[in-house]
Amino acid sequence: MSNRLDGRVAVVTGAGSGIGLASARRLAAEGAKVVSVDIDETAGKAAAEEVCGVFLRVDVASEDDVREMYATVHREFGRIDIAFHNAGIAPPDDDSILTTGIDAWRRVQEINLTSVYLGCKYVLPYMQAQGKGSIINTASFVAVLGAATSQIAYTASKGAVLAMSRELGVQFAREGIRVNALCPGPVNTPLLQELFAKDPERAARRLVHIPMGRFATAEEIAAAVAFLASDDASFITASTFLVDGGISGAYVTPL
């Protein structure tokens, strides 16, 4: 493993499991000091201990919590180089627009979208002061594709994350701050495994559309996070960074 992130300070939200946990591990392995953020204290503390980092319990939809999160990190380390806004939900009551209630809609927007808005809002001033930084926001391949097996609130939230990240990437490019939207395809995480357990037919419909014929691993997405965080991605900003096994480029898939 390279040391291309040696000495840098990284904040990872949703670090207790899935892509967040894999990314905390990968960033630490490449030399970063990782602050693991999660609302689940047990999972978040375990992640932080594993990567010899710091844990912060944060409600990412709370403006006060997010503001204090970044203030705490800056007080502790004096800098914030990498912000990976990854926390998100895909609840079972988010379905077709015809059946998804307003409470489910609002909850998904708060966690998936408002949290990213708050994270960017409160980390950007620290990055402006130091003249550089990398912000990575988790969107999704559903931000660029439509699906008949709809999760309407999730899809809308990820489309908004993509648009917001693109605009911020343009706005702050000349200040040395890069902002990219990471757009994973289906990933074999506890969230997806739960979907398989609850509705195997619906889950199987997703697999047939992936040219590579499998779901991503969390570690593969984490590798993309580490790349975007590093100087190897120094000319990449405002991008729709798809890591989707070819799904967004496919008309039909191989037999």
C-alpha atoms as a PDB file:
ATOM      1  CA  MET A   1       0.000   0.000   0.000  1.00  0.00           C
ATOM      2  CA  SER A   2       1.303   3.469  -0.906  1.00  0.00           C
ATOM      3  CA  ASN A   3       1.739   6.368   1.502  1.00  0.00           C
ATOM      4  CA  ARG A   4       0.171   8.944  -0.815  1.00  0.00           C
ATOM      5  CA  LEU A   5      -2.074  10.246   2.003  1.00  0.00           C
ATOM      6  CA  ASP A   6       0.668  10.374   4.614  1.00  0.00           C
ATOM      7  CA  GLY A   7      -0.024  13.001   7.281  1.00  0.00           C
ATOM      8  CA  ARG A   8      -3.390  14.067   5.895  1.00  0.00           C
ATOM      9  CA  VAL A   9      -6.511  14.315   8.032  1.00  0.00           C
ATOM     10  CA  ALA A  10      -9.628  12.597   6.717  1.00  0.00           C
ATOM     11  CA  VAL A  11     -13.204  12.690   7.997  1.00  0.00           C
ATOM     12  CA  VAL A  12     -15.451   9.784   6.999  1.00  0.00           C
ATOM     13  CA  THR A  13     -19.169   9.843   7.800  1.00  0.00           C
ATOM     14  CA  GLY A  14     -21.036   6.563   8.022  1.00  0.00           C
ATOM     15  CA  ALA A  15     -17.721   4.959   8.960  1.00  0.00           C
ATOM     16  CA  GLY A  16     -19.234   2.171  11.034  1.00  0.00           C
ATOM     17  CA  SER A  17     -20.049  -0.188   8.183  1.00  0.00           C
ATOM     18  CA  GLY A  18     -20.080  -0.818   4.447  1.00  0.00           C
ATOM     19  CA  ILE A  19     -18.348   1.676   2.159  1.00  0.00           C
ATOM     20  CA  GLY A  20     -17.555   3.985   5.066  1.00  0.00           C
ATOM     21  CA  LEU A  21     -15.735   1.317   7.045  1.00  0.00           C
ATOM     22  CA  ALA A  22     -13.830   0.066   4.011  1.00  0.00           C
ATOM     23  CA  SER A  23     -12.850   3.649   3.191  1.00  0.00           C
ATOM     24  CA  ALA A  24     -11.677   4.389   6.724  1.00  0.00           C
ATOM     25  CA  ARG A  25      -9.463   1.310   6.490  1.00  0.00           C
ATOM     26  CA  ARG A  26      -8.105   2.244   3.064  1.00  0.00           C
ATOM     27  CA  LEU A  27      -7.413   5.893   3.896  1.00  0.00           C
ATOM     28  CA  ALA A  28      -5.621   4.874   7.085  1.00  0.00           C
ATOM     29  CA  ALA A  29      -3.612   2.251   5.214  1.00  0.00           C
ATOM     30  CA  GLU A  30      -2.423   4.980   2.855  1.00  0.00           C
ATOM     31  CA  GLY A  31      -1.236   7.135   5.739  1.00  0.00           C
ATOM     32  CA  ALA A  32      -4.185   9.369   6.626  1.00  0.00           C
ATOM     33  CA  LYS A  33      -5.285  10.177  10.157  1.00  0.00           C
ATOM     34  CA  VAL A  34      -8.927   9.129  10.048  1.00  0.00           C
ATOM     35  CA  VAL A  35     -11.820  10.554  12.027  1.00  0.00           C
ATOM     36  CA  SER A  36     -14.608   7.961  11.955  1.00  0.00           C
ATOM     37  CA  VAL A  37     -18.062   9.502  12.227  1.00  0.00           C
ATOM     38  CA  ASP A  38     -21.247   7.538  12.857  1.00  0.00           C
ATOM     39  CA  ILE A  39     -24.463   7.802  14.818  1.00  0.00           C
ATOM     40  CA  ASP A  40     -23.977   4.173  15.934  1.00  0.00           C
ATOM     41  CA  GLU A  41     -21.532   4.542  18.799  1.00  0.00           C
ATOM     42  CA  THR A  42     -20.576   0.870  18.986  1.00  0.00           C
ATOM     43  CA  ALA A  43     -19.823   0.486  15.268  1.00  0.00           C
ATOM     44  CA  GLY A  44     -18.157   3.889  15.016  1.00  0.00           C
ATOM     45  CA  LYS A  45     -15.863   3.288  17.979  1.00  0.00           C
ATOM     46  CA  ALA A  46     -14.893  -0.117  16.595  1.00  0.00           C
ATOM     47  CA  ALA A  47     -13.995   1.447  13.253  1.00  0.00           C
ATOM     48  CA  ALA A  48     -11.920   4.159  14.909  1.00  0.00           C
ATOM     49  CA  GLU A  49     -10.067   1.666  17.081  1.00  0.00           C
ATOM     50  CA  GLU A  50      -9.317  -0.532  14.085  1.00  0.00           C
ATOM     51  CA  VAL A  51      -7.681   2.312  12.157  1.00  0.00           C
ATOM     52  CA  CYS A  52      -6.048   3.881  15.258  1.00  0.00           C
ATOM     53  CA  GLY A  53      -8.119   6.994  14.728  1.00  0.00           C
ATOM     54  CA  VAL A  54     -10.697   9.159  16.443  1.00  0.00           C
ATOM     55  CA  PHE A  55     -14.441   8.528  16.768  1.00  0.00           C
ATOM     56  CA  LEU A  56     -17.128  11.204  16.813  1.00  0.00           C
ATOM     57  CA  ARG A  57     -20.784  10.416  17.370  1.00  0.00           C
ATOM     58  CA  VAL A  58     -22.673  12.774  15.066  1.00  0.00           C
ATOM     59  CA  ASP A  59     -26.185  13.138  13.729  1.00  0.00           C
ATOM     60  CA  VAL A  60     -25.211  14.206  10.223  1.00  0.00           C
ATOM     61  CA  ALA A  61     -28.642  15.790   9.661  1.00  0.00           C
ATOM     62  CA  SER A  62     -28.118  18.165  12.600  1.00  0.00           C
ATOM     63  CA  GLU A  63     -26.561  21.499  11.690  1.00  0.00           C
ATOM     64  CA  ASP A  64     -25.184  21.977  15.205  1.00  0.00           C
ATOM     65  CA  ASP A  65     -23.636  18.497  15.217  1.00  0.00           C
ATOM     66  CA  VAL A  66     -21.958  18.910  11.830  1.00  0.00           C
ATOM     67  CA  ARG A  67     -20.652  22.395  12.613  1.00  0.00           C
ATOM     68  CA  GLU A  68     -19.169  21.132  15.881  1.00  0.00           C
ATOM     69  CA  MET A  69     -17.802  17.994  14.193  1.00  0.00           C
ATOM     70  CA  TYR A  70     -15.573  19.988  11.880  1.00  0.00           C
ATOM     71  CA  ALA A  71     -14.642  22.490  14.585  1.00  0.00           C
ATOM     72  CA  THR A  72     -13.562  19.589  16.807  1.00  0.00           C
ATOM     73  CA  VAL A  73     -11.482  17.969  14.069  1.00  0.00           C
ATOM     74  CA  HIS A  74      -9.757  21.245  13.282  1.00  0.00           C
ATOM     75  CA  ARG A  75      -9.027  21.937  16.951  1.00  0.00           C
ATOM     76  CA  GLU A  76      -7.568  18.443  17.315  1.00  0.00           C
ATOM     77  CA  PHE A  77      -5.457  18.299  14.161  1.00  0.00           C
ATOM     78  CA  GLY A  78      -5.154  21.859  12.882  1.00  0.00           C
ATOM     79  CA  ARG A  79      -6.240  20.885   9.376  1.00  0.00           C
ATOM     80  CA  ILE A  80      -8.839  18.937   7.372  1.00  0.00           C
ATOM     81  CA  ASP A  81      -7.601  17.565   4.072  1.00  0.00           C
ATOM     82  CA  ILE A  82     -10.253  15.013   3.098  1.00  0.00           C
ATOM     83  CA  ALA A  83     -13.997  15.030   3.741  1.00  0.00           C
ATOM     84  CA  PHE A  84     -15.858  11.895   2.652  1.00  0.00           C
ATOM     85  CA  HIS A  85     -19.576  12.539   3.132  1.00  0.00           C
ATOM     86  CA  ASN A  86     -20.867   9.006   2.876  1.00  0.00           C
ATOM     87  CA  ALA A  87     -23.610   8.479   5.477  1.00  0.00           C
ATOM     88  CA  GLY A  88     -26.926   7.515   3.950  1.00  0.00           C
ATOM     89  CA  ILE A  89     -30.057   5.396   4.235  1.00  0.00           C
ATOM     90  CA  ALA A  90     -32.317   3.407   1.919  1.00  0.00           C
ATOM     91  CA  PRO A  91     -35.327   2.474   4.072  1.00  0.00           C
ATOM     92  CA  PRO A  92     -37.877  -0.147   2.985  1.00  0.00           C
ATOM     93  CA  ASP A  93     -40.721   2.388   2.991  1.00  0.00           C
ATOM     94  CA  ASP A  94     -38.994   4.281   0.157  1.00  0.00           C
ATOM     95  CA  ASP A  95     -40.535   2.738  -2.940  1.00  0.00           C
ATOM     96  CA  SER A  96     -42.644   3.926  -5.866  1.00  0.00           C
ATOM     97  CA  ILE A  97     -43.732   7.549  -5.756  1.00  0.00           C
ATOM     98  CA  LEU A  98     -47.297   6.186  -5.594  1.00  0.00           C
ATOM     99  CA  THR A  99     -46.682   4.481  -2.256  1.00  0.00           C
ATOM    100  CA  THR A 100     -43.831   6.423  -0.596  1.00  0.00           C
ATOM    101  CA  GLY A 101     -45.156   8.679   2.151  1.00  0.00           C
ATOM    102  CA  ILE A 102     -44.018  12.198   2.875  1.00  0.00           C
ATOM    103  CA  ASP A 103     -42.352  11.177   6.148  1.00  0.00           C
ATOM    104  CA  ALA A 104     -40.147   8.625   4.366  1.00  0.00           C
ATOM    105  CA  TRP A 105     -39.362  11.197   1.673  1.00  0.00           C
ATOM    106  CA  ARG A 106     -38.289  13.814   4.210  1.00  0.00           C
ATOM    107  CA  ARG A 107     -36.228  11.374   6.276  1.00  0.00           C
ATOM    108  CA  VAL A 108     -34.238  10.219   3.252  1.00  0.00           C
ATOM    109  CA  GLN A 109     -33.600  13.789   2.082  1.00  0.00           C
ATOM    110  CA  GLU A 110     -32.399  14.785   5.550  1.00  0.00           C
ATOM    111  CA  ILE A 111     -29.891  11.953   5.859  1.00  0.00           C
ATOM    112  CA  ASN A 112     -28.777  11.571   2.243  1.00  0.00           C
ATOM    113  CA  LEU A 113     -28.870  15.165   1.007  1.00  0.00           C
ATOM    114  CA  THR A 114     -29.083  17.699   3.814  1.00  0.00           C
ATOM    115  CA  SER A 115     -26.191  15.990   5.589  1.00  0.00           C
ATOM    116  CA  VAL A 116     -23.997  16.470   2.513  1.00  0.00           C
ATOM    117  CA  TYR A 117     -25.043  20.116   2.221  1.00  0.00           C
ATOM    118  CA  LEU A 118     -24.141  20.654   5.873  1.00  0.00           C
ATOM    119  CA  GLY A 119     -20.874  18.773   5.606  1.00  0.00           C
ATOM    120  CA  CYS A 120     -19.726  20.820   2.617  1.00  0.00           C
ATOM    121  CA  LYS A 121     -20.937  24.088   4.158  1.00  0.00           C
ATOM    122  CA  TYR A 122     -18.928  23.610   7.330  1.00  0.00           C
ATOM    123  CA  VAL A 123     -15.754  21.987   5.998  1.00  0.00           C
ATOM    124  CA  LEU A 124     -15.211  24.405   3.112  1.00  0.00           C
ATOM    125  CA  PRO A 125     -14.055  27.377   5.243  1.00  0.00           C
ATOM    126  CA  TYR A 126     -11.284  25.257   6.780  1.00  0.00           C
ATOM    127  CA  MET A 127     -10.155  24.102   3.349  1.00  0.00           C
ATOM    128  CA  GLN A 128     -10.307  27.669   2.024  1.00  0.00           C
ATOM    129  CA  ALA A 129      -8.047  28.820   4.858  1.00  0.00           C
ATOM    130  CA  GLN A 130      -5.447  26.176   4.071  1.00  0.00           C
ATOM    131  CA  GLY A 131      -5.782  26.595   0.296  1.00  0.00           C
ATOM    132  CA  LYS A 132      -6.543  22.993  -0.558  1.00  0.00           C
ATOM    133  CA  GLY A 133      -8.730  19.995   0.160  1.00  0.00           C
ATOM    134  CA  SER A 134     -10.675  17.127  -1.336  1.00  0.00           C
ATOM    135  CA  ILE A 135     -14.393  16.653  -0.735  1.00  0.00           C
ATOM    136  CA  ILE A 136     -15.960  13.383  -1.863  1.00  0.00           C
ATOM    137  CA  ASN A 137     -19.727  13.072  -1.702  1.00  0.00           C
ATOM    138  CA  THR A 138     -21.438   9.720  -2.123  1.00  0.00           C
ATOM    139  CA  ALA A 139     -24.060   9.945  -4.848  1.00  0.00           C
ATOM    140  CA  SER A 140     -25.004   6.826  -6.848  1.00  0.00           C
ATOM    141  CA  PHE A 141     -25.332   5.430 -10.330  1.00  0.00           C
ATOM    142  CA  VAL A 142     -29.093   6.011  -9.910  1.00  0.00           C
ATOM    143  CA  ALA A 143     -28.303   9.718 -10.153  1.00  0.00           C
ATOM    144  CA  VAL A 144     -27.715   9.185 -13.888  1.00  0.00           C
ATOM    145  CA  LEU A 145     -30.129   6.308 -14.651  1.00  0.00           C
ATOM    146  CA  GLY A 146     -33.798   5.628 -14.104  1.00  0.00           C
ATOM    147  CA  ALA A 147     -35.122   2.429 -12.550  1.00  0.00           C
ATOM    148  CA  ALA A 148     -38.511   0.741 -12.748  1.00  0.00           C
ATOM    149  CA  THR A 149     -37.777  -0.797  -9.330  1.00  0.00           C
ATOM    150  CA  SER A 150     -37.939   2.651  -7.835  1.00  0.00           C
ATOM    151  CA  GLN A 151     -36.681   4.045  -4.548  1.00  0.00           C
ATOM    152  CA  ILE A 152     -37.919   7.508  -5.391  1.00  0.00           C
ATOM    153  CA  ALA A 153     -36.649   9.409  -2.362  1.00  0.00           C
ATOM    154  CA  TYR A 154     -33.217   7.757  -2.544  1.00  0.00           C
ATOM    155  CA  THR A 155     -32.922   8.417  -6.272  1.00  0.00           C
ATOM    156  CA  ALA A 156     -33.916  12.055  -5.890  1.00  0.00           C
ATOM    157  CA  SER A 157     -31.495  12.578  -3.006  1.00  0.00           C
ATOM    158  CA  LYS A 158     -28.574  11.130  -4.939  1.00  0.00           C
ATOM    159  CA  GLY A 159     -29.387  13.171  -8.033  1.00  0.00           C
ATOM    160  CA  ALA A 160     -29.280  16.287  -5.878  1.00  0.00           C
ATOM    161  CA  VAL A 161     -25.957  15.260  -4.306  1.00  0.00           C
ATOM    162  CA  LEU A 162     -24.525  14.867  -7.803  1.00  0.00           C
ATOM    163  CA  ALA A 163     -25.738  18.293  -8.937  1.00  0.00           C
ATOM    164  CA  MET A 164     -24.569  20.004  -5.748  1.00  0.00           C
ATOM    165  CA  SER A 165     -21.122  18.380  -5.910  1.00  0.00           C
ATOM    166  CA  ARG A 166     -20.676  19.459  -9.520  1.00  0.00           C
ATOM    167  CA  GLU A 167     -21.535  23.054  -8.688  1.00  0.00           C
ATOM    168  CA  LEU A 168     -19.246  23.175  -5.662  1.00  0.00           C
ATOM    169  CA  GLY A 169     -16.448  21.618  -7.690  1.00  0.00           C
ATOM    170  CA  VAL A 170     -16.719  24.455 -10.178  1.00  0.00           C
ATOM    171  CA  GLN A 171     -17.175  27.211  -7.594  1.00  0.00           C
ATOM    172  CA  PHE A 172     -14.140  26.344  -5.467  1.00  0.00           C
ATOM    173  CA  ALA A 173     -11.773  24.942  -8.121  1.00  0.00           C
ATOM    174  CA  ARG A 174      -9.501  28.001  -8.168  1.00  0.00           C
ATOM    175  CA  GLU A 175      -9.118  27.867  -4.404  1.00  0.00           C
ATOM    176  CA  GLY A 176      -7.427  24.479  -4.594  1.00  0.00           C
ATOM    177  CA  ILE A 177     -10.481  22.565  -3.377  1.00  0.00           C
ATOM    178  CA  ARG A 178     -11.733  19.614  -5.367  1.00  0.00           C
ATOM    179  CA  VAL A 179     -15.311  18.352  -4.975  1.00  0.00           C
ATOM    180  CA  ASN A 180     -16.384  15.133  -6.643  1.00  0.00           C
ATOM    181  CA  ALA A 181     -19.491  12.964  -6.611  1.00  0.00           C
ATOM    182  CA  LEU A 182     -18.657   9.306  -6.152  1.00  0.00           C
ATOM    183  CA  CYS A 183     -21.315   7.251  -7.940  1.00  0.00           C
ATOM    184  CA  PRO A 184     -21.101   3.568  -6.966  1.00  0.00           C
ATOM    185  CA  GLY A 185     -23.072   0.868  -8.685  1.00  0.00           C
ATOM    186  CA  PRO A 186     -24.701  -1.808  -6.510  1.00  0.00           C
ATOM    187  CA  VAL A 187     -22.282  -2.758  -3.734  1.00  0.00           C
ATOM    188  CA  ASN A 188     -22.285  -5.929  -1.669  1.00  0.00           C
ATOM    189  CA  THR A 189     -22.851  -4.213   1.671  1.00  0.00           C
ATOM    190  CA  PRO A 190     -25.189  -5.021   4.584  1.00  0.00           C
ATOM    191  CA  LEU A 191     -27.748  -2.690   2.965  1.00  0.00           C
ATOM    192  CA  LEU A 192     -27.812  -4.756  -0.238  1.00  0.00           C
ATOM    193  CA  GLN A 193     -27.749  -8.044   1.643  1.00  0.00           C
ATOM    194  CA  GLU A 194     -30.824  -6.901   3.548  1.00  0.00           C
ATOM    195  CA  LEU A 195     -32.555  -6.194   0.244  1.00  0.00           C
ATOM    196  CA  PHE A 196     -31.734  -9.706  -0.996  1.00  0.00           C
ATOM    197  CA  ALA A 197     -33.077 -11.212   2.200  1.00  0.00           C
ATOM    198  CA  LYS A 198     -36.315  -9.222   2.058  1.00  0.00           C
ATOM    199  CA  ASP A 199     -37.001  -9.308  -1.678  1.00  0.00           C
ATOM    200  CA  PRO A 200     -34.703 -11.664  -3.637  1.00  0.00           C
ATOM    201  CA  GLU A 201     -36.606 -11.180  -6.903  1.00  0.00           C
ATOM    202  CA  ARG A 202     -36.313  -7.407  -6.781  1.00  0.00           C
ATOM    203  CA  ALA A 203     -32.636  -7.627  -5.865  1.00  0.00           C
ATOM    204  CA  ALA A 204     -31.887 -10.154  -8.623  1.00  0.00           C
ATOM    205  CA  ARG A 205     -33.325  -7.764 -11.210  1.00  0.00           C
ATOM    206  CA  ARG A 206     -30.427  -5.437 -10.434  1.00  0.00           C
ATOM    207  CA  LEU A 207     -27.699  -7.989 -11.043  1.00  0.00           C
ATOM    208  CA  VAL A 208     -28.708  -8.842 -14.613  1.00  0.00           C
ATOM    209  CA  HIS A 209     -27.997  -5.272 -15.766  1.00  0.00           C
ATOM    210  CA  ILE A 210     -24.351  -5.171 -14.641  1.00  0.00           C
ATOM    211  CA  PRO A 211     -21.960  -6.008 -17.517  1.00  0.00           C
ATOM    212  CA  MET A 212     -19.349  -7.384 -15.121  1.00  0.00           C
ATOM    213  CA  GLY A 213     -21.957  -9.797 -13.766  1.00  0.00           C
ATOM    214  CA  ARG A 214     -21.402  -9.116 -10.082  1.00  0.00           C
ATOM    215  CA  PHE A 215     -21.795  -6.475  -7.416  1.00  0.00           C
ATOM    216  CA  ALA A 216     -18.891  -4.321  -6.299  1.00  0.00           C
ATOM    217  CA  THR A 217     -17.109  -4.928  -3.038  1.00  0.00           C
ATOM    218  CA  ALA A 218     -16.895  -2.123  -0.517  1.00  0.00           C
ATOM    219  CA  GLU A 219     -13.118  -2.300  -0.878  1.00  0.00           C
ATOM    220  CA  GLU A 220     -13.367  -1.482  -4.596  1.00  0.00           C
ATOM    221  CA  ILE A 221     -15.344   1.653  -3.813  1.00  0.00           C
ATOM    222  CA  ALA A 222     -12.878   2.539  -1.057  1.00  0.00           C
ATOM    223  CA  ALA A 223     -10.057   2.367  -3.611  1.00  0.00           C
ATOM    224  CA  ALA A 224     -11.875   5.015  -5.651  1.00  0.00           C
ATOM    225  CA  VAL A 225     -12.271   7.160  -2.531  1.00  0.00           C
ATOM    226  CA  ALA A 226      -8.534   6.955  -1.819  1.00  0.00           C
ATOM    227  CA  PHE A 227      -7.774   7.906  -5.425  1.00  0.00           C
ATOM    228  CA  LEU A 228     -10.069  10.946  -5.355  1.00  0.00           C
ATOM    229  CA  ALA A 229      -8.585  11.984  -2.020  1.00  0.00           C
ATOM    230  CA  SER A 230      -5.028  11.820  -3.339  1.00  0.00           C
ATOM    231  CA  ASP A 231      -2.881  14.004  -5.556  1.00  0.00           C
ATOM    232  CA  ASP A 232      -3.237  11.347  -8.260  1.00  0.00           C
ATOM    233  CA  ALA A 233      -6.650  12.975  -8.841  1.00  0.00           C
ATOM    234  CA  SER A 234      -5.274  16.524  -8.750  1.00  0.00           C
ATOM    235  CA  PHE A 235      -6.972  17.543 -12.036  1.00  0.00           C
ATOM    236  CA  ILE A 236     -10.309  15.895 -11.249  1.00  0.00           C
ATOM    237  CA  THR A 237     -13.092  18.034  -9.849  1.00  0.00           C
ATOM    238  CA  ALA A 238     -16.840  18.504 -10.417  1.00  0.00           C
ATOM    239  CA  SER A 239     -16.875  14.953 -11.781  1.00  0.00           C
ATOM    240  CA  THR A 240     -19.517  12.257 -11.922  1.00  0.00           C
ATOM    241  CA  PHE A 241     -17.117   9.548 -10.805  1.00  0.00           C
ATOM    242  CA  LEU A 242     -18.868   6.318 -11.749  1.00  0.00           C
ATOM    243  CA  VAL A 243     -17.627   3.051 -10.245  1.00  0.00           C
ATOM    244  CA  ASP A 244     -20.448   0.859 -11.471  1.00  0.00           C
ATOM    245  CA  GLY A 245     -19.127  -2.195 -13.329  1.00  0.00           C
ATOM    246  CA  GLY A 246     -20.290  -0.678 -16.623  1.00  0.00           C
ATOM    247  CA  ILE A 247     -23.977  -0.482 -15.735  1.00  0.00           C
ATOM    248  CA  SER A 248     -24.404   3.137 -16.824  1.00  0.00           C
ATOM    249  CA  GLY A 249     -22.807   2.423 -20.207  1.00  0.00           C
ATOM    250  CA  ALA A 250     -24.802  -0.700 -21.059  1.00  0.00           C
ATOM    251  CA  TYR A 251     -27.610  -1.182 -23.557  1.00  0.00           C
ATOM    252  CA  VAL A 252     -27.621  -4.958 -23.205  1.00  0.00           C
ATOM    253  CA  THR A 253     -25.248  -7.022 -21.072  1.00  0.00           C
ATOM    254  CA  PRO A 254     -23.208 -10.111 -21.985  1.00  0.00           C
ATOM    255  CA  LEU A 255     -24.855 -13.516 -21.816  1.00  0.00           C
END
